[in-house]
Each structure stands twice: as structure tokens, then as C-alpha cells.
Amino acid sequence: MPSTSTSRATAARKSPAKKASPRTPDAVTLLRADHKKVADLFVQFEKSRSAAKKKSLVAQICLELTVHAQVEEEIFYPEVQAALKDMELIPEAKVEHQSIKDLIAAVQGVEPDGEDYDAKVKVMSEWVKHHVKEEQNEMFPKAKKSRLDLAELGERIQQRKEELLAAQHTAH
């Protein structure tokens, strides 16, 4: 019997150590990973010659961008704006999101039949690159220097992303 209680005590002592390393990456790390994933999808699109492959990639790009923009707008942006007392970066980022959403609406569910389609995806890619550059070079460093709890924000963002992706999969 004593060995069982000893092993439980040992396990109990070990579990707090696991909690010290966060399960979910912090908010900036999560958002950067989204940026990389979408950039990679745009590269695959540019290399693709197959209409079916292009349509599949665009569907994935649109889903990723839609979910990413929503978690930024619902969770990350309000927190960053409050912490930084920002009246420039966040409003500009929201306008950029709207422009990208307009392009998403123009290509989502549409057959990739010609140069207009490719041009819209190309412009979307360029706008996303511009937006990502500003976030990663300006907004993220300021967020890191602020008093924001980026680990807690990361958990909220991850949870919301999972909810949104589950809802998308249920809808289709």
C-alpha cells in the first residue's frame, strides 16, 4: 500500500511542472503561425495549374483568413487597442480586414475560370502580405512590450478558433 500513495504523491508533485509549460502558444505565436500557414497556401495557389486544386486552395485560404480575422477582431484587437491606447494601428488593421473580406466574398465558392479569378487571389495575397508585415513589425512588438497577458489571450484565441472551425465544418 505505501508504494501506491508514494507514486500518487510523486505524480502530484510532477503535474504542476507540466502546467508551467503552457499548452497553448501565446497570442502572437498563434497569430504568426496563422500568417505562415496562409502565406504557404498562397504560394501553393500560385504554383497550381489545376482548377480543382486552385478552388480547393482558395476555399482553405478563405476559411483560414475568415477565422483569423474574426479572432483578431473579437479578442486580440480590442485588448491591444486598450493596452496601447491605440488610435491608428487597430483601426487601419480593421479596414485592411474589410478589404480582404471583400476579396474573399469575390472568390469564395466561385469557379476559378480565368484571369479575373487569379487576379483577385493575387491582390488578396498582396493585401494579406502587407497586413501581416504591419502586424508583425509594428503591432506584435508593441503588444509584447505591453502588460497584456499574451498566454491568456492565446488560450482565448485558440478556443475561439476551434469553435469557429467546428461551426464551419458543421455548416458544410
C-alpha atoms as a PDB file:
ATOM      1  CA  MET A   1       0.000   0.000   0.000  1.00  0.00           C
ATOM      2  CA  PRO A   2       2.652   2.612   0.821  1.00  0.00           C
ATOM      3  CA  SER A   3       4.015   2.406  -2.727  1.00  0.00           C
ATOM      4  CA  THR A   4       0.652   3.474  -4.180  1.00  0.00           C
ATOM      5  CA  SER A   5       0.423   6.581  -2.023  1.00  0.00           C
ATOM      6  CA  THR A   6       4.068   7.368  -2.756  1.00  0.00           C
ATOM      7  CA  SER A   7       3.529   7.112  -6.518  1.00  0.00           C
ATOM      8  CA  ARG A   8       0.431   9.329  -6.232  1.00  0.00           C
ATOM      9  CA  ALA A   9       2.417  11.871  -4.259  1.00  0.00           C
ATOM     10  CA  THR A  10       5.170  11.760  -6.875  1.00  0.00           C
ATOM     11  CA  ALA A  11       2.608  12.175  -9.667  1.00  0.00           C
ATOM     12  CA  ALA A  12       1.019  15.080  -7.822  1.00  0.00           C
ATOM     13  CA  ARG A  13       4.394  16.773  -7.487  1.00  0.00           C
ATOM     14  CA  LYS A  14       5.127  16.276 -11.191  1.00  0.00           C
ATOM     15  CA  SER A  15       1.844  17.661 -12.528  1.00  0.00           C
ATOM     16  CA  PRO A  16       2.464  21.313 -11.571  1.00  0.00           C
ATOM     17  CA  ALA A  17       5.698  21.182 -13.586  1.00  0.00           C
ATOM     18  CA  LYS A  18       3.654  20.273 -16.658  1.00  0.00           C
ATOM     19  CA  LYS A  19       1.449  23.298 -16.125  1.00  0.00           C
ATOM     20  CA  ALA A  20       4.485  25.580 -16.126  1.00  0.00           C
ATOM     21  CA  SER A  21       4.934  24.964 -19.851  1.00  0.00           C
ATOM     22  CA  PRO A  22       1.810  26.393 -21.497  1.00  0.00           C
ATOM     23  CA  ARG A  23      -0.341  24.017 -23.556  1.00  0.00           C
ATOM     24  CA  THR A  24      -1.313  26.749 -25.983  1.00  0.00           C
ATOM     25  CA  PRO A  25       1.175  29.130 -27.605  1.00  0.00           C
ATOM     26  CA  ASP A  26       0.819  32.799 -26.720  1.00  0.00           C
ATOM     27  CA  ALA A  27      -1.378  35.047 -28.861  1.00  0.00           C
ATOM     28  CA  VAL A  28       1.442  36.439 -31.010  1.00  0.00           C
ATOM     29  CA  THR A  29       2.864  32.970 -31.692  1.00  0.00           C
ATOM     30  CA  LEU A  30      -0.584  31.679 -32.692  1.00  0.00           C
ATOM     31  CA  LEU A  31      -1.280  34.611 -34.994  1.00  0.00           C
ATOM     32  CA  ARG A  32       2.181  34.348 -36.590  1.00  0.00           C
ATOM     33  CA  ALA A  33       1.534  30.642 -37.253  1.00  0.00           C
ATOM     34  CA  ASP A  34      -1.732  31.576 -38.994  1.00  0.00           C
ATOM     35  CA  HIS A  35       0.153  34.124 -41.104  1.00  0.00           C
ATOM     36  CA  LYS A  36       2.694  31.492 -42.178  1.00  0.00           C
ATOM     37  CA  LYS A  37       0.020  28.926 -42.968  1.00  0.00           C
ATOM     38  CA  VAL A  38      -1.874  31.341 -45.230  1.00  0.00           C
ATOM     39  CA  ALA A  39       1.326  32.542 -46.923  1.00  0.00           C
ATOM     40  CA  ASP A  40       2.174  28.910 -47.707  1.00  0.00           C
ATOM     41  CA  LEU A  41      -1.327  28.360 -49.142  1.00  0.00           C
ATOM     42  CA  PHE A  42      -0.932  31.414 -51.409  1.00  0.00           C
ATOM     43  CA  VAL A  43       2.407  30.018 -52.665  1.00  0.00           C
ATOM     44  CA  GLN A  44       0.716  26.689 -53.447  1.00  0.00           C
ATOM     45  CA  PHE A  45      -2.038  28.561 -55.298  1.00  0.00           C
ATOM     46  CA  GLU A  46       0.468  30.472 -57.419  1.00  0.00           C
ATOM     47  CA  LYS A  47       2.185  27.213 -58.411  1.00  0.00           C
ATOM     48  CA  SER A  48      -1.054  25.374 -59.170  1.00  0.00           C
ATOM     49  CA  ARG A  49      -2.321  24.887 -62.721  1.00  0.00           C
ATOM     50  CA  SER A  50      -5.310  22.714 -61.809  1.00  0.00           C
ATOM     51  CA  ALA A  51      -8.665  24.484 -61.496  1.00  0.00           C
ATOM     52  CA  ALA A  52      -9.833  21.922 -58.917  1.00  0.00           C
ATOM     53  CA  LYS A  53      -6.666  22.410 -56.846  1.00  0.00           C
ATOM     54  CA  LYS A  54      -6.984  26.209 -57.087  1.00  0.00           C
ATOM     55  CA  LYS A  55     -10.605  26.067 -55.943  1.00  0.00           C
ATOM     56  CA  SER A  56      -9.654  23.818 -53.011  1.00  0.00           C
ATOM     57  CA  LEU A  57      -6.763  26.085 -52.000  1.00  0.00           C
ATOM     58  CA  VAL A  58      -8.915  29.215 -52.235  1.00  0.00           C
ATOM     59  CA  ALA A  59     -11.567  27.567 -50.045  1.00  0.00           C
ATOM     60  CA  GLN A  60      -8.894  26.815 -47.451  1.00  0.00           C
ATOM     61  CA  ILE A  61      -7.379  30.314 -47.720  1.00  0.00           C
ATOM     62  CA  CYS A  62     -10.816  31.907 -47.296  1.00  0.00           C
ATOM     63  CA  LEU A  63     -11.597  29.754 -44.255  1.00  0.00           C
ATOM     64  CA  GLU A  64      -8.231  30.457 -42.618  1.00  0.00           C
ATOM     65  CA  LEU A  65      -8.443  34.203 -43.258  1.00  0.00           C
ATOM     66  CA  THR A  66     -12.065  34.440 -42.109  1.00  0.00           C
ATOM     67  CA  VAL A  67     -11.411  32.644 -38.819  1.00  0.00           C
ATOM     68  CA  HIS A  68      -8.134  34.521 -38.264  1.00  0.00           C
ATOM     69  CA  ALA A  69      -9.736  37.918 -38.863  1.00  0.00           C
ATOM     70  CA  GLN A  70     -12.643  37.072 -36.579  1.00  0.00           C
ATOM     71  CA  VAL A  71     -10.449  36.052 -33.620  1.00  0.00           C
ATOM     72  CA  GLU A  72      -8.284  39.124 -34.106  1.00  0.00           C
ATOM     73  CA  GLU A  73     -11.309  41.413 -34.221  1.00  0.00           C
ATOM     74  CA  GLU A  74     -13.152  39.750 -31.326  1.00  0.00           C
ATOM     75  CA  ILE A  75     -10.248  39.080 -28.970  1.00  0.00           C
ATOM     76  CA  PHE A  76      -6.810  40.387 -29.948  1.00  0.00           C
ATOM     77  CA  TYR A  77      -7.543  43.838 -31.358  1.00  0.00           C
ATOM     78  CA  PRO A  78      -9.763  45.088 -28.506  1.00  0.00           C
ATOM     79  CA  GLU A  79      -7.176  44.003 -25.923  1.00  0.00           C
ATOM     80  CA  VAL A  80      -4.244  45.512 -27.838  1.00  0.00           C
ATOM     81  CA  GLN A  81      -6.142  48.721 -28.524  1.00  0.00           C
ATOM     82  CA  ALA A  82      -6.988  49.125 -24.828  1.00  0.00           C
ATOM     83  CA  ALA A  83      -3.474  48.239 -23.655  1.00  0.00           C
ATOM     84  CA  LEU A  84      -1.739  50.559 -26.125  1.00  0.00           C
ATOM     85  CA  LYS A  85      -4.424  53.256 -26.166  1.00  0.00           C
ATOM     86  CA  ASP A  86      -4.022  52.881 -29.928  1.00  0.00           C
ATOM     87  CA  MET A  87      -5.991  55.015 -32.359  1.00  0.00           C
ATOM     88  CA  GLU A  88      -4.052  54.148 -35.517  1.00  0.00           C
ATOM     89  CA  LEU A  89      -2.804  50.555 -35.826  1.00  0.00           C
ATOM     90  CA  ILE A  90      -6.055  48.808 -34.907  1.00  0.00           C
ATOM     91  CA  PRO A  91      -8.419  50.991 -36.994  1.00  0.00           C
ATOM     92  CA  GLU A  92      -6.117  50.559 -40.001  1.00  0.00           C
ATOM     93  CA  ALA A  93      -5.931  46.800 -39.438  1.00  0.00           C
ATOM     94  CA  LYS A  94      -9.745  46.616 -39.329  1.00  0.00           C
ATOM     95  CA  VAL A  95     -10.010  48.476 -42.644  1.00  0.00           C
ATOM     96  CA  GLU A  96      -7.458  46.096 -44.163  1.00  0.00           C
ATOM     97  CA  HIS A  97      -9.503  43.156 -42.881  1.00  0.00           C
ATOM     98  CA  GLN A  98     -12.607  44.557 -44.566  1.00  0.00           C
ATOM     99  CA  SER A  99     -10.792  44.886 -47.893  1.00  0.00           C
ATOM    100  CA  ILE A 100      -9.612  41.290 -47.613  1.00  0.00           C
ATOM    101  CA  LYS A 101     -13.153  40.148 -46.665  1.00  0.00           C
ATOM    102  CA  ASP A 102     -14.470  41.855 -49.806  1.00  0.00           C
ATOM    103  CA  LEU A 103     -11.998  39.865 -51.915  1.00  0.00           C
ATOM    104  CA  ILE A 104     -12.902  36.667 -50.056  1.00  0.00           C
ATOM    105  CA  ALA A 105     -16.544  37.282 -50.984  1.00  0.00           C
ATOM    106  CA  ALA A 106     -15.496  37.758 -54.627  1.00  0.00           C
ATOM    107  CA  VAL A 107     -13.714  34.380 -54.907  1.00  0.00           C
ATOM    108  CA  GLN A 108     -15.330  32.123 -52.321  1.00  0.00           C
ATOM    109  CA  GLY A 109     -17.337  29.357 -53.970  1.00  0.00           C
ATOM    110  CA  VAL A 110     -16.607  30.750 -57.436  1.00  0.00           C
ATOM    111  CA  GLU A 111     -15.174  28.613 -60.222  1.00  0.00           C
ATOM    112  CA  PRO A 112     -11.537  29.530 -60.973  1.00  0.00           C
ATOM    113  CA  ASP A 113     -12.270  30.343 -64.591  1.00  0.00           C
ATOM    114  CA  GLY A 114      -9.831  32.882 -65.818  1.00  0.00           C
ATOM    115  CA  GLU A 115      -7.583  35.777 -65.204  1.00  0.00           C
ATOM    116  CA  ASP A 116     -10.061  37.776 -63.074  1.00  0.00           C
ATOM    117  CA  TYR A 117     -10.193  34.983 -60.509  1.00  0.00           C
ATOM    118  CA  ASP A 118      -6.407  34.638 -60.399  1.00  0.00           C
ATOM    119  CA  ALA A 119      -6.033  38.428 -60.214  1.00  0.00           C
ATOM    120  CA  LYS A 120      -8.395  38.661 -57.247  1.00  0.00           C
ATOM    121  CA  VAL A 121      -6.493  35.945 -55.404  1.00  0.00           C
ATOM    122  CA  LYS A 122      -3.189  37.644 -56.277  1.00  0.00           C
ATOM    123  CA  VAL A 123      -4.417  41.005 -54.930  1.00  0.00           C
ATOM    124  CA  MET A 124      -5.745  39.272 -51.814  1.00  0.00           C
ATOM    125  CA  SER A 125      -2.313  37.707 -51.335  1.00  0.00           C
ATOM    126  CA  GLU A 126      -0.609  41.101 -51.687  1.00  0.00           C
ATOM    127  CA  TRP A 127      -3.005  42.764 -49.213  1.00  0.00           C
ATOM    128  CA  VAL A 128      -2.533  39.926 -46.741  1.00  0.00           C
ATOM    129  CA  LYS A 129       1.265  40.245 -47.051  1.00  0.00           C
ATOM    130  CA  HIS A 130       1.051  43.996 -46.413  1.00  0.00           C
ATOM    131  CA  HIS A 131      -1.279  43.486 -43.443  1.00  0.00           C
ATOM    132  CA  VAL A 132       0.904  40.721 -41.972  1.00  0.00           C
ATOM    133  CA  LYS A 133       4.032  42.861 -42.312  1.00  0.00           C
ATOM    134  CA  GLU A 134       2.431  45.710 -40.343  1.00  0.00           C
ATOM    135  CA  GLU A 135       1.130  43.383 -37.641  1.00  0.00           C
ATOM    136  CA  GLN A 136       4.415  41.535 -37.239  1.00  0.00           C
ATOM    137  CA  ASN A 137       6.675  44.603 -37.437  1.00  0.00           C
ATOM    138  CA  GLU A 138       4.549  47.126 -35.532  1.00  0.00           C
ATOM    139  CA  MET A 139       1.589  45.711 -33.638  1.00  0.00           C
ATOM    140  CA  PHE A 140       3.068  42.470 -32.280  1.00  0.00           C
ATOM    141  CA  PRO A 141       6.244  44.040 -30.845  1.00  0.00           C
ATOM    142  CA  LYS A 142       4.133  46.710 -29.111  1.00  0.00           C
ATOM    143  CA  ALA A 143       1.766  44.039 -27.772  1.00  0.00           C
ATOM    144  CA  LYS A 144       4.741  42.085 -26.409  1.00  0.00           C
ATOM    145  CA  LYS A 145       6.058  45.183 -24.607  1.00  0.00           C
ATOM    146  CA  SER A 146       2.643  45.941 -23.119  1.00  0.00           C
ATOM    147  CA  ARG A 147       1.223  44.457 -19.951  1.00  0.00           C
ATOM    148  CA  LEU A 148      -1.078  42.160 -21.884  1.00  0.00           C
ATOM    149  CA  ASP A 149      -1.227  38.548 -20.724  1.00  0.00           C
ATOM    150  CA  LEU A 150      -0.403  37.067 -24.125  1.00  0.00           C
ATOM    151  CA  ALA A 151      -0.574  33.495 -22.783  1.00  0.00           C
ATOM    152  CA  GLU A 152      -4.147  34.016 -21.580  1.00  0.00           C
ATOM    153  CA  LEU A 153      -5.031  35.761 -24.848  1.00  0.00           C
ATOM    154  CA  GLY A 154      -3.531  32.818 -26.740  1.00  0.00           C
ATOM    155  CA  GLU A 155      -5.786  30.398 -24.885  1.00  0.00           C
ATOM    156  CA  ARG A 156      -8.866  32.506 -25.655  1.00  0.00           C
ATOM    157  CA  ILE A 157      -7.857  32.821 -29.321  1.00  0.00           C
ATOM    158  CA  GLN A 158      -7.189  29.078 -29.657  1.00  0.00           C
ATOM    159  CA  GLN A 159     -10.502  28.191 -28.036  1.00  0.00           C
ATOM    160  CA  ARG A 160     -12.420  30.610 -30.280  1.00  0.00           C
ATOM    161  CA  LYS A 161     -10.625  29.342 -33.403  1.00  0.00           C
ATOM    162  CA  GLU A 162     -11.634  25.790 -32.519  1.00  0.00           C
ATOM    163  CA  GLU A 163     -15.273  26.893 -32.044  1.00  0.00           C
ATOM    164  CA  LEU A 164     -15.319  28.753 -35.371  1.00  0.00           C
ATOM    165  CA  LEU A 165     -13.676  25.911 -37.300  1.00  0.00           C
ATOM    166  CA  ALA A 166     -16.069  23.371 -35.759  1.00  0.00           C
ATOM    167  CA  ALA A 167     -19.013  25.576 -36.759  1.00  0.00           C
ATOM    168  CA  GLN A 168     -17.654  25.813 -40.329  1.00  0.00           C
ATOM    169  CA  HIS A 169     -17.269  22.043 -40.581  1.00  0.00           C
ATOM    170  CA  THR A 170     -20.795  21.549 -39.255  1.00  0.00           C
ATOM    171  CA  ALA A 171     -22.156  24.048 -41.796  1.00  0.00           C
ATOM    172  CA  HIS A 172     -20.590  22.164 -44.733  1.00  0.00           C
END
